[in-house]
Amino acid sequence: MKALVRRFVEDRQGATAIEYSLIAVLLAAALLAAWPSFYDGFMASWTNAGTVIKNAVK
């Protein structure tokens, strides 16, 4: 049992995947935290694009 625990603790094979997952989670959290400050400009851009398309079709 002791050898099994030691082998588990020393195994670094999945460390890179876990690190990349943590980076992805941190980036997603940062984007979600920043979203309210960009929301109004983002929606205004889409509204403007919709208006341009609507007027072009007329």
C-alpha atoms as a PDB file:
ATOM      1  CA  MET A   1       0.000   0.000   0.000  1.00  0.00           C
ATOM      2  CA  LYS A   2       2.854   2.345   0.818  1.00  0.00           C
ATOM      3  CA  ALA A   3       4.389   1.811  -2.628  1.00  0.00           C
ATOM      4  CA  LEU A   4       1.044   2.538  -4.293  1.00  0.00           C
ATOM      5  CA  VAL A   5       0.684   5.859  -2.451  1.00  0.00           C
ATOM      6  CA  ARG A   6       4.288   6.805  -3.243  1.00  0.00           C
ATOM      7  CA  ARG A   7       3.804   5.988  -6.929  1.00  0.00           C
ATOM      8  CA  PHE A   8       0.602   8.067  -7.011  1.00  0.00           C
ATOM      9  CA  VAL A   9       2.266  11.075  -5.362  1.00  0.00           C
ATOM     10  CA  GLU A  10       5.322  10.925  -7.638  1.00  0.00           C
ATOM     11  CA  ASP A  11       3.338  10.442 -10.879  1.00  0.00           C
ATOM     12  CA  ARG A  12       3.409  13.678 -12.912  1.00  0.00           C
ATOM     13  CA  GLN A  13       1.733  12.341 -16.033  1.00  0.00           C
ATOM     14  CA  GLY A  14      -1.562  14.257 -15.669  1.00  0.00           C
ATOM     15  CA  ALA A  15      -0.074  17.441 -14.241  1.00  0.00           C
ATOM     16  CA  THR A  16      -0.017  19.329 -17.544  1.00  0.00           C
ATOM     17  CA  ALA A  17      -3.682  18.667 -18.262  1.00  0.00           C
ATOM     18  CA  ILE A  18      -4.629  19.864 -14.799  1.00  0.00           C
ATOM     19  CA  GLU A  19      -2.526  23.014 -15.200  1.00  0.00           C
ATOM     20  CA  TYR A  20      -4.123  23.825 -18.550  1.00  0.00           C
ATOM     21  CA  SER A  21      -7.557  23.218 -17.050  1.00  0.00           C
ATOM     22  CA  LEU A  22      -6.823  25.627 -14.224  1.00  0.00           C
ATOM     23  CA  ILE A  23      -5.620  28.269 -16.690  1.00  0.00           C
ATOM     24  CA  ALA A  24      -8.814  27.833 -18.726  1.00  0.00           C
ATOM     25  CA  VAL A  25     -10.952  28.185 -15.599  1.00  0.00           C
ATOM     26  CA  LEU A  26      -9.101  31.352 -14.565  1.00  0.00           C
ATOM     27  CA  LEU A  27      -9.531  32.854 -18.038  1.00  0.00           C
ATOM     28  CA  ALA A  28     -13.237  32.026 -18.043  1.00  0.00           C
ATOM     29  CA  ALA A  29     -13.650  33.611 -14.605  1.00  0.00           C
ATOM     30  CA  ALA A  30     -11.825  36.746 -15.775  1.00  0.00           C
ATOM     31  CA  LEU A  31     -14.030  36.996 -18.875  1.00  0.00           C
ATOM     32  CA  LEU A  32     -17.189  36.576 -16.814  1.00  0.00           C
ATOM     33  CA  ALA A  33     -16.014  39.214 -14.359  1.00  0.00           C
ATOM     34  CA  ALA A  34     -15.208  41.666 -17.178  1.00  0.00           C
ATOM     35  CA  TRP A  35     -18.399  41.020 -19.190  1.00  0.00           C
ATOM     36  CA  PRO A  36     -20.587  43.692 -17.509  1.00  0.00           C
ATOM     37  CA  SER A  37     -18.163  46.444 -18.481  1.00  0.00           C
ATOM     38  CA  PHE A  38     -18.274  45.404 -22.162  1.00  0.00           C
ATOM     39  CA  TYR A  39     -21.952  44.445 -22.402  1.00  0.00           C
ATOM     40  CA  ASP A  40     -23.413  47.836 -23.359  1.00  0.00           C
ATOM     41  CA  GLY A  41     -20.912  48.451 -26.161  1.00  0.00           C
ATOM     42  CA  PHE A  42     -21.312  44.894 -27.416  1.00  0.00           C
ATOM     43  CA  MET A  43     -25.096  45.145 -27.594  1.00  0.00           C
ATOM     44  CA  ALA A  44     -24.902  48.571 -29.233  1.00  0.00           C
ATOM     45  CA  SER A  45     -22.663  47.135 -31.960  1.00  0.00           C
ATOM     46  CA  TRP A  46     -25.124  44.319 -32.706  1.00  0.00           C
ATOM     47  CA  THR A  47     -28.064  46.717 -32.677  1.00  0.00           C
ATOM     48  CA  ASN A  48     -26.226  49.006 -35.081  1.00  0.00           C
ATOM     49  CA  ALA A  49     -25.352  46.074 -37.369  1.00  0.00           C
ATOM     50  CA  GLY A  50     -28.984  44.969 -37.343  1.00  0.00           C
ATOM     51  CA  THR A  51     -30.134  48.464 -38.251  1.00  0.00           C
ATOM     52  CA  VAL A  52     -27.647  48.684 -41.133  1.00  0.00           C
ATOM     53  CA  ILE A  53     -28.783  45.320 -42.499  1.00  0.00           C
ATOM     54  CA  LYS A  54     -32.446  46.237 -42.101  1.00  0.00           C
ATOM     55  CA  ASN A  55     -31.943  49.522 -43.971  1.00  0.00           C
ATOM     56  CA  ALA A  56     -29.925  47.809 -46.705  1.00  0.00           C
ATOM     57  CA  VAL A  57     -32.738  45.341 -47.370  1.00  0.00           C
ATOM     58  CA  LYS A  58     -35.386  48.090 -47.781  1.00  0.00           C
END
